[in-house]
Amino acid sequence: MKLFLTMNSPIGNLTIVSSRERIIGLEFGEKAENEEIKKTEKDALLMEARGQLLEYFDGKRKVFQLPIFLKGTEFRLKVWNELLHIPYGETRSYQEIAAAIGNKNAVRAVGQANKANPMPIIIPCHRVIGKNNQLIGYAGKQIDKKAILLELEKTSLFMMV
């Protein structure tokens, strides 16, 4: 059975989804219960994920330490794994990600993998920008959220120095 928890954040409501002791999704907005997925406020893993997200938004967490399960094509899994290597407060271009996974011509495919990321923020697709430092393509046209997340990381780094 899948469980979910909805939380408030500086970029709006977020819904964290788990299944079998693993986080399987983080979605913008709220989710409705049905026979396959139940809302809870008592699941330890979901509460831990919410706590780590709150620490991230407070500028106190740079890396998430959660058991996650990713389901996708081999290509998407490569891209998502590479995103996990982008340091907090830094960005990479789609072109740089394509080169890092060994397929420099797959820039558009990297963009599509980014768009399909099941766990934005936890898997930091917001740190991927256009080659001219343009904020493009984030979670279904939510560039404002990308800008907020990048500014949060920039501000947090400045405060830590």
N, C-alpha and C. Protein backbone atom coordinates (compact mmCIF):
# COMPACT_ATOMS: atom_id res chain seq x y z
N MET A 1 0.84 -1.19 0.00
CA MET A 1 0.00 0.00 0.00
C MET A 1 0.88 1.25 0.00
N LYS A 2 0.44 2.23 -0.71
CA LYS A 2 1.13 3.52 -0.75
C LYS A 2 0.49 4.45 0.28
N LEU A 3 1.35 5.24 0.92
CA LEU A 3 0.91 6.23 1.89
C LEU A 3 1.39 7.61 1.44
N PHE A 4 0.70 8.66 1.87
CA PHE A 4 1.17 10.00 1.56
C PHE A 4 0.89 10.96 2.70
N LEU A 5 1.65 12.02 2.67
CA LEU A 5 1.54 13.10 3.65
C LEU A 5 1.68 14.40 2.88
N THR A 6 0.83 15.37 3.15
CA THR A 6 0.91 16.68 2.51
C THR A 6 1.42 17.69 3.52
N MET A 7 2.35 18.51 3.07
CA MET A 7 2.95 19.53 3.96
C MET A 7 2.96 20.89 3.27
N ASN A 8 3.01 21.93 4.07
CA ASN A 8 3.18 23.28 3.55
C ASN A 8 4.67 23.55 3.38
N SER A 9 5.00 24.36 2.37
CA SER A 9 6.39 24.74 2.15
C SER A 9 6.41 26.14 1.54
N PRO A 10 7.59 26.75 1.46
CA PRO A 10 7.68 28.08 0.84
C PRO A 10 7.30 28.10 -0.65
N ILE A 11 7.21 26.93 -1.28
CA ILE A 11 6.81 26.89 -2.69
C ILE A 11 5.43 26.26 -2.86
N GLY A 12 4.66 26.23 -1.78
CA GLY A 12 3.31 25.68 -1.84
C GLY A 12 3.25 24.30 -1.21
N ASN A 13 2.08 23.69 -1.30
CA ASN A 13 1.92 22.36 -0.73
C ASN A 13 2.75 21.34 -1.48
N LEU A 14 3.31 20.41 -0.73
CA LEU A 14 4.06 19.28 -1.28
C LEU A 14 3.46 18.00 -0.73
N THR A 15 3.37 16.98 -1.56
CA THR A 15 2.89 15.68 -1.13
C THR A 15 4.02 14.67 -1.25
N ILE A 16 4.35 14.04 -0.14
CA ILE A 16 5.39 13.01 -0.09
C ILE A 16 4.69 11.66 -0.14
N VAL A 17 5.18 10.77 -1.00
CA VAL A 17 4.55 9.46 -1.18
C VAL A 17 5.56 8.36 -0.84
N SER A 18 5.09 7.35 -0.10
CA SER A 18 5.96 6.21 0.25
C SER A 18 5.27 4.90 -0.08
N SER A 19 6.11 3.88 -0.20
CA SER A 19 5.62 2.52 -0.41
C SER A 19 6.69 1.57 0.10
N ARG A 20 6.29 0.67 0.95
CA ARG A 20 7.21 -0.36 1.45
C ARG A 20 8.51 0.22 2.01
N GLU A 21 8.40 1.16 2.90
CA GLU A 21 9.56 1.73 3.59
C GLU A 21 10.52 2.49 2.69
N ARG A 22 10.03 3.01 1.57
CA ARG A 22 10.84 3.82 0.68
C ARG A 22 10.01 5.02 0.21
N ILE A 23 10.68 6.14 0.04
CA ILE A 23 10.02 7.29 -0.58
C ILE A 23 10.00 7.02 -2.07
N ILE A 24 8.83 7.17 -2.68
CA ILE A 24 8.72 6.92 -4.12
C ILE A 24 8.29 8.16 -4.90
N GLY A 25 7.93 9.22 -4.19
CA GLY A 25 7.53 10.42 -4.92
C GLY A 25 7.43 11.64 -4.04
N LEU A 26 7.62 12.79 -4.68
CA LEU A 26 7.38 14.09 -4.06
C LEU A 26 6.69 14.91 -5.14
N GLU A 27 5.50 15.37 -4.84
CA GLU A 27 4.69 16.05 -5.84
C GLU A 27 4.30 17.44 -5.36
N PHE A 28 4.16 18.35 -6.32
CA PHE A 28 3.66 19.68 -6.01
C PHE A 28 2.14 19.60 -5.87
N GLY A 29 1.61 20.24 -4.83
CA GLY A 29 0.17 20.24 -4.62
C GLY A 29 -0.29 19.14 -3.70
N GLU A 30 -1.60 18.95 -3.67
CA GLU A 30 -2.20 17.95 -2.79
C GLU A 30 -2.68 16.76 -3.60
N LYS A 31 -2.82 15.65 -2.92
CA LYS A 31 -3.24 14.40 -3.55
C LYS A 31 -4.53 13.95 -2.88
N ALA A 32 -5.35 13.25 -3.63
CA ALA A 32 -6.60 12.71 -3.08
C ALA A 32 -6.40 11.24 -2.72
N GLU A 33 -7.01 10.83 -1.63
CA GLU A 33 -6.97 9.43 -1.22
C GLU A 33 -7.80 8.59 -2.18
N ASN A 34 -7.40 7.35 -2.34
CA ASN A 34 -8.22 6.37 -3.06
C ASN A 34 -7.87 5.00 -2.52
N GLU A 35 -8.36 3.94 -3.17
CA GLU A 35 -8.11 2.60 -2.63
C GLU A 35 -6.64 2.19 -2.72
N GLU A 36 -5.84 2.85 -3.56
CA GLU A 36 -4.43 2.49 -3.72
C GLU A 36 -3.49 3.33 -2.87
N ILE A 37 -3.95 4.48 -2.40
CA ILE A 37 -3.07 5.38 -1.65
C ILE A 37 -3.85 6.05 -0.52
N LYS A 38 -3.27 6.01 0.68
CA LYS A 38 -3.95 6.52 1.87
C LYS A 38 -3.15 7.66 2.50
N LYS A 39 -3.87 8.66 2.97
CA LYS A 39 -3.25 9.79 3.66
C LYS A 39 -2.98 9.40 5.11
N THR A 40 -1.82 9.84 5.61
CA THR A 40 -1.48 9.56 7.01
C THR A 40 -0.62 10.69 7.57
N GLU A 41 -0.68 10.85 8.85
CA GLU A 41 0.20 11.77 9.57
C GLU A 41 1.04 10.99 10.58
N LYS A 42 0.96 9.67 10.54
CA LYS A 42 1.58 8.85 11.58
C LYS A 42 2.71 7.96 11.08
N ASP A 43 3.02 7.98 9.81
CA ASP A 43 4.06 7.12 9.27
C ASP A 43 5.44 7.72 9.57
N ALA A 44 6.31 6.96 10.21
CA ALA A 44 7.63 7.45 10.63
C ALA A 44 8.47 7.91 9.45
N LEU A 45 8.47 7.17 8.36
CA LEU A 45 9.27 7.54 7.20
C LEU A 45 8.77 8.84 6.58
N LEU A 46 7.47 8.99 6.44
CA LEU A 46 6.93 10.23 5.88
C LEU A 46 7.21 11.42 6.80
N MET A 47 7.13 11.19 8.09
CA MET A 47 7.44 12.26 9.05
C MET A 47 8.92 12.65 8.97
N GLU A 48 9.79 11.66 8.80
CA GLU A 48 11.22 11.94 8.64
C GLU A 48 11.47 12.73 7.36
N ALA A 49 10.82 12.34 6.28
CA ALA A 49 10.97 13.06 5.01
C ALA A 49 10.49 14.51 5.16
N ARG A 50 9.35 14.70 5.81
CA ARG A 50 8.85 16.06 6.04
C ARG A 50 9.86 16.85 6.87
N GLY A 51 10.41 16.23 7.91
CA GLY A 51 11.40 16.91 8.74
C GLY A 51 12.63 17.32 7.95
N GLN A 52 13.11 16.43 7.08
CA GLN A 52 14.28 16.77 6.27
C GLN A 52 13.96 17.87 5.26
N LEU A 53 12.76 17.85 4.70
CA LEU A 53 12.37 18.92 3.78
C LEU A 53 12.28 20.26 4.52
N LEU A 54 11.73 20.25 5.72
CA LEU A 54 11.66 21.49 6.51
C LEU A 54 13.07 22.01 6.83
N GLU A 55 13.99 21.10 7.16
CA GLU A 55 15.38 21.50 7.39
C GLU A 55 15.98 22.11 6.12
N TYR A 56 15.69 21.52 4.97
CA TYR A 56 16.17 22.05 3.70
C TYR A 56 15.64 23.48 3.50
N PHE A 57 14.35 23.67 3.70
CA PHE A 57 13.76 24.99 3.50
C PHE A 57 14.26 26.01 4.51
N ASP A 58 14.71 25.55 5.68
CA ASP A 58 15.30 26.44 6.69
C ASP A 58 16.78 26.69 6.43
N GLY A 59 17.33 26.10 5.37
CA GLY A 59 18.74 26.28 5.04
C GLY A 59 19.68 25.46 5.90
N LYS A 60 19.16 24.45 6.58
CA LYS A 60 19.97 23.64 7.49
C LYS A 60 20.33 22.27 6.92
N ARG A 61 19.77 21.89 5.79
CA ARG A 61 20.06 20.59 5.20
C ARG A 61 20.45 20.77 3.74
N LYS A 62 21.59 20.16 3.39
CA LYS A 62 22.08 20.23 2.01
C LYS A 62 21.87 18.92 1.26
N VAL A 63 21.82 17.82 1.98
CA VAL A 63 21.71 16.49 1.38
C VAL A 63 20.60 15.73 2.10
N PHE A 64 19.76 15.08 1.33
CA PHE A 64 18.69 14.27 1.92
C PHE A 64 19.22 12.87 2.18
N GLN A 65 18.83 12.33 3.32
CA GLN A 65 19.23 10.98 3.70
C GLN A 65 17.97 10.17 3.94
N LEU A 66 17.39 9.76 2.84
CA LEU A 66 16.13 9.02 2.88
C LEU A 66 16.24 7.78 2.00
N PRO A 67 15.60 6.70 2.40
CA PRO A 67 15.56 5.54 1.50
C PRO A 67 14.59 5.85 0.36
N ILE A 68 15.08 5.84 -0.85
CA ILE A 68 14.23 6.16 -1.99
C ILE A 68 14.20 4.98 -2.96
N PHE A 69 13.14 4.93 -3.74
CA PHE A 69 13.03 3.94 -4.80
C PHE A 69 12.66 4.68 -6.06
N LEU A 70 13.49 4.52 -7.08
CA LEU A 70 13.25 5.17 -8.36
C LEU A 70 12.88 4.13 -9.40
N LYS A 71 11.86 4.42 -10.14
CA LYS A 71 11.43 3.54 -11.22
C LYS A 71 11.45 4.35 -12.51
N GLY A 72 12.21 3.86 -13.48
CA GLY A 72 12.30 4.55 -14.75
C GLY A 72 13.18 3.78 -15.71
N THR A 73 13.35 4.33 -16.89
CA THR A 73 14.22 3.70 -17.87
C THR A 73 15.66 3.79 -17.40
N GLU A 74 16.51 3.00 -18.00
CA GLU A 74 17.93 3.04 -17.66
C GLU A 74 18.49 4.45 -17.87
N PHE A 75 18.08 5.10 -18.94
CA PHE A 75 18.55 6.45 -19.22
C PHE A 75 18.10 7.42 -18.13
N ARG A 76 16.82 7.39 -17.78
CA ARG A 76 16.32 8.29 -16.74
C ARG A 76 17.02 8.05 -15.41
N LEU A 77 17.24 6.79 -15.07
CA LEU A 77 17.93 6.48 -13.81
C LEU A 77 19.34 7.06 -13.81
N LYS A 78 20.03 7.00 -14.95
CA LYS A 78 21.37 7.61 -15.06
C LYS A 78 21.30 9.10 -14.81
N VAL A 79 20.33 9.76 -15.45
CA VAL A 79 20.18 11.21 -15.29
C VAL A 79 19.87 11.54 -13.83
N TRP A 80 18.91 10.87 -13.24
CA TRP A 80 18.53 11.17 -11.86
C TRP A 80 19.69 10.93 -10.90
N ASN A 81 20.46 9.89 -11.13
CA ASN A 81 21.63 9.63 -10.30
C ASN A 81 22.65 10.76 -10.45
N GLU A 82 22.83 11.25 -11.66
CA GLU A 82 23.77 12.35 -11.89
C GLU A 82 23.30 13.62 -11.18
N LEU A 83 22.00 13.85 -11.15
CA LEU A 83 21.47 15.04 -10.46
C LEU A 83 21.83 15.01 -8.98
N LEU A 84 21.88 13.83 -8.41
CA LEU A 84 22.24 13.70 -6.99
C LEU A 84 23.68 14.13 -6.71
N HIS A 85 24.48 14.24 -7.75
CA HIS A 85 25.88 14.65 -7.59
C HIS A 85 26.10 16.15 -7.76
N ILE A 86 25.05 16.90 -8.06
CA ILE A 86 25.19 18.35 -8.17
C ILE A 86 25.19 18.92 -6.76
N PRO A 87 26.28 19.55 -6.35
CA PRO A 87 26.35 20.07 -4.98
C PRO A 87 25.30 21.15 -4.70
N TYR A 88 24.89 21.20 -3.47
CA TYR A 88 23.97 22.23 -2.97
C TYR A 88 24.49 23.60 -3.35
N GLY A 89 23.63 24.44 -3.89
CA GLY A 89 24.00 25.81 -4.23
C GLY A 89 24.69 25.95 -5.58
N GLU A 90 24.90 24.85 -6.27
CA GLU A 90 25.53 24.90 -7.59
C GLU A 90 24.52 24.49 -8.66
N THR A 91 24.85 24.81 -9.89
CA THR A 91 24.00 24.41 -11.01
C THR A 91 24.84 23.74 -12.08
N ARG A 92 24.14 23.01 -12.94
CA ARG A 92 24.75 22.40 -14.11
C ARG A 92 23.79 22.63 -15.27
N SER A 93 24.34 22.68 -16.47
CA SER A 93 23.48 22.81 -17.64
C SER A 93 23.00 21.43 -18.08
N TYR A 94 21.95 21.43 -18.87
CA TYR A 94 21.46 20.17 -19.43
C TYR A 94 22.57 19.52 -20.24
N GLN A 95 23.34 20.33 -20.93
CA GLN A 95 24.45 19.84 -21.74
C GLN A 95 25.52 19.18 -20.86
N GLU A 96 25.81 19.78 -19.71
CA GLU A 96 26.80 19.20 -18.80
C GLU A 96 26.32 17.86 -18.24
N ILE A 97 25.02 17.76 -17.96
CA ILE A 97 24.48 16.49 -17.45
C ILE A 97 24.58 15.42 -18.54
N ALA A 98 24.24 15.79 -19.78
CA ALA A 98 24.33 14.84 -20.89
C ALA A 98 25.77 14.33 -21.04
N ALA A 99 26.73 15.23 -20.97
CA ALA A 99 28.14 14.83 -21.09
C ALA A 99 28.55 13.95 -19.91
N ALA A 100 28.09 14.28 -18.71
CA ALA A 100 28.47 13.52 -17.51
C ALA A 100 27.96 12.09 -17.55
N ILE A 101 26.83 11.86 -18.22
CA ILE A 101 26.32 10.48 -18.30
C ILE A 101 26.82 9.77 -19.56
N GLY A 102 27.73 10.44 -20.29
CA GLY A 102 28.35 9.80 -21.44
C GLY A 102 27.58 9.88 -22.74
N ASN A 103 26.67 10.84 -22.84
CA ASN A 103 25.88 10.98 -24.06
C ASN A 103 25.67 12.46 -24.35
N LYS A 104 26.72 13.12 -24.81
CA LYS A 104 26.70 14.58 -24.96
C LYS A 104 25.62 15.09 -25.91
N ASN A 105 25.09 14.23 -26.77
CA ASN A 105 24.05 14.65 -27.71
C ASN A 105 22.63 14.47 -27.16
N ALA A 106 22.51 14.04 -25.93
CA ALA A 106 21.19 13.74 -25.36
C ALA A 106 20.62 14.88 -24.53
N VAL A 107 20.90 16.10 -24.92
CA VAL A 107 20.47 17.25 -24.13
C VAL A 107 18.95 17.29 -23.96
N ARG A 108 18.21 17.10 -25.04
CA ARG A 108 16.74 17.12 -24.95
C ARG A 108 16.22 15.95 -24.11
N ALA A 109 16.84 14.80 -24.26
CA ALA A 109 16.43 13.63 -23.47
C ALA A 109 16.70 13.86 -21.99
N VAL A 110 17.79 14.55 -21.67
CA VAL A 110 18.08 14.92 -20.28
C VAL A 110 16.96 15.82 -19.77
N GLY A 111 16.53 16.76 -20.60
CA GLY A 111 15.42 17.64 -20.22
C GLY A 111 14.16 16.86 -19.93
N GLN A 112 13.87 15.86 -20.75
CA GLN A 112 12.68 15.04 -20.55
C GLN A 112 12.81 14.19 -19.28
N ALA A 113 14.00 13.69 -19.01
CA ALA A 113 14.23 12.93 -17.78
C ALA A 113 14.05 13.83 -16.57
N ASN A 114 14.56 15.05 -16.68
CA ASN A 114 14.38 16.02 -15.59
C ASN A 114 12.90 16.26 -15.34
N LYS A 115 12.16 16.45 -16.42
CA LYS A 115 10.72 16.71 -16.32
C LYS A 115 10.00 15.54 -15.65
N ALA A 116 10.49 14.32 -15.86
CA ALA A 116 9.86 13.12 -15.31
C ALA A 116 10.36 12.76 -13.92
N ASN A 117 11.25 13.57 -13.35
CA ASN A 117 11.80 13.29 -12.02
C ASN A 117 10.66 13.10 -11.01
N PRO A 118 10.57 11.93 -10.38
CA PRO A 118 9.48 11.68 -9.44
C PRO A 118 9.67 12.34 -8.07
N MET A 119 10.86 12.89 -7.81
CA MET A 119 11.13 13.48 -6.50
C MET A 119 11.86 14.81 -6.61
N PRO A 120 11.21 15.83 -7.19
CA PRO A 120 11.90 17.12 -7.23
C PRO A 120 12.30 17.54 -5.82
N ILE A 121 13.31 18.33 -5.72
CA ILE A 121 13.95 18.81 -4.49
C ILE A 121 14.85 17.71 -3.92
N ILE A 122 14.30 16.54 -3.61
CA ILE A 122 15.11 15.45 -3.09
C ILE A 122 16.14 15.03 -4.13
N ILE A 123 15.70 14.87 -5.36
CA ILE A 123 16.60 14.70 -6.51
C ILE A 123 16.60 16.06 -7.18
N PRO A 124 17.67 16.83 -6.99
CA PRO A 124 17.65 18.28 -7.27
C PRO A 124 17.67 18.68 -8.74
N CYS A 125 16.57 18.40 -9.44
CA CYS A 125 16.47 18.80 -10.84
C CYS A 125 16.39 20.32 -10.99
N HIS A 126 16.06 21.02 -9.91
CA HIS A 126 16.02 22.49 -9.97
C HIS A 126 17.41 23.08 -10.19
N ARG A 127 18.45 22.29 -9.97
CA ARG A 127 19.83 22.76 -10.15
C ARG A 127 20.30 22.64 -11.59
N VAL A 128 19.43 22.21 -12.49
CA VAL A 128 19.78 22.09 -13.90
C VAL A 128 19.18 23.28 -14.64
N ILE A 129 20.05 24.00 -15.34
CA ILE A 129 19.64 25.23 -16.02
C ILE A 129 20.09 25.19 -17.48
N GLY A 130 19.64 26.16 -18.24
CA GLY A 130 20.05 26.27 -19.63
C GLY A 130 21.52 26.65 -19.74
N LYS A 131 22.11 26.39 -20.90
CA LYS A 131 23.54 26.63 -21.05
C LYS A 131 23.93 28.10 -20.93
N ASN A 132 22.99 29.00 -21.11
CA ASN A 132 23.26 30.44 -20.94
C ASN A 132 22.78 30.94 -19.58
N ASN A 133 22.78 30.04 -18.60
CA ASN A 133 22.32 30.34 -17.23
C ASN A 133 20.85 30.73 -17.17
N GLN A 134 20.07 30.28 -18.13
CA GLN A 134 18.64 30.57 -18.14
C GLN A 134 17.90 29.54 -17.28
N LEU A 135 16.90 30.03 -16.56
CA LEU A 135 16.05 29.13 -15.79
C LEU A 135 14.99 28.61 -16.74
N ILE A 136 15.19 27.40 -17.21
CA ILE A 136 14.22 26.81 -18.12
C ILE A 136 13.81 25.44 -17.62
N GLY A 137 12.62 25.04 -18.01
CA GLY A 137 12.14 23.69 -17.79
C GLY A 137 12.19 23.17 -16.38
N TYR A 138 11.16 23.43 -15.59
CA TYR A 138 11.12 22.84 -14.25
C TYR A 138 9.72 22.34 -13.94
N ALA A 139 9.61 21.06 -13.69
CA ALA A 139 8.40 20.42 -13.16
C ALA A 139 7.12 20.96 -13.77
N GLY A 140 7.02 20.87 -15.06
CA GLY A 140 5.78 21.27 -15.71
C GLY A 140 5.50 22.75 -15.63
N LYS A 141 6.43 23.54 -16.08
CA LYS A 141 6.25 25.00 -16.20
C LYS A 141 6.18 25.72 -14.85
N GLN A 142 6.92 25.27 -13.87
CA GLN A 142 6.90 25.91 -12.57
C GLN A 142 8.24 26.59 -12.30
N ILE A 143 8.64 27.42 -13.24
CA ILE A 143 9.93 28.11 -13.16
C ILE A 143 10.04 28.95 -11.89
N ASP A 144 8.93 29.51 -11.42
CA ASP A 144 8.97 30.31 -10.20
C ASP A 144 9.48 29.47 -9.02
N LYS A 145 9.09 28.22 -8.96
CA LYS A 145 9.55 27.33 -7.88
C LYS A 145 11.05 27.07 -8.01
N LYS A 146 11.52 26.87 -9.23
CA LYS A 146 12.94 26.66 -9.48
C LYS A 146 13.74 27.87 -9.01
N ALA A 147 13.27 29.05 -9.36
CA ALA A 147 13.96 30.28 -8.95
C ALA A 147 14.01 30.41 -7.43
N ILE A 148 12.91 30.09 -6.76
CA ILE A 148 12.86 30.17 -5.29
C ILE A 148 13.85 29.18 -4.67
N LEU A 149 13.88 27.95 -5.18
CA LEU A 149 14.79 26.94 -4.63
C LEU A 149 16.25 27.33 -4.83
N LEU A 150 16.59 27.83 -6.02
CA LEU A 150 17.97 28.24 -6.28
C LEU A 150 18.36 29.43 -5.40
N GLU A 151 17.44 30.36 -5.23
CA GLU A 151 17.73 31.53 -4.37
C GLU A 151 17.87 31.09 -2.92
N LEU A 152 17.04 30.17 -2.47
CA LEU A 152 17.14 29.65 -1.11
C LEU A 152 18.51 29.04 -0.87
N GLU A 153 18.99 28.24 -1.83
CA GLU A 153 20.30 27.61 -1.67
C GLU A 153 21.42 28.65 -1.71
N LYS A 154 21.30 29.61 -2.59
CA LYS A 154 22.31 30.68 -2.69
C LYS A 154 22.37 31.48 -1.38
N THR A 155 21.22 31.84 -0.87
CA THR A 155 21.13 32.62 0.38
C THR A 155 21.66 31.80 1.56
N SER A 156 21.30 30.53 1.62
CA SER A 156 21.75 29.67 2.71
C SER A 156 23.28 29.52 2.71
N LEU A 157 23.85 29.38 1.51
CA LEU A 157 25.31 29.27 1.41
C LEU A 157 25.98 30.55 1.90
N PHE A 158 25.42 31.67 1.51
CA PHE A 158 25.97 32.96 1.92
C PHE A 158 25.93 33.11 3.45
N MET A 159 24.84 32.66 4.05
CA MET A 159 24.68 32.78 5.51
C MET A 159 25.62 31.83 6.26
N MET A 160 26.01 30.72 5.62
CA MET A 160 26.87 29.73 6.29
C MET A 160 28.33 30.11 6.26
N VAL A 161 28.70 31.04 5.38
CA VAL A 161 30.12 31.40 5.23
C VAL A 161 30.56 32.26 6.38
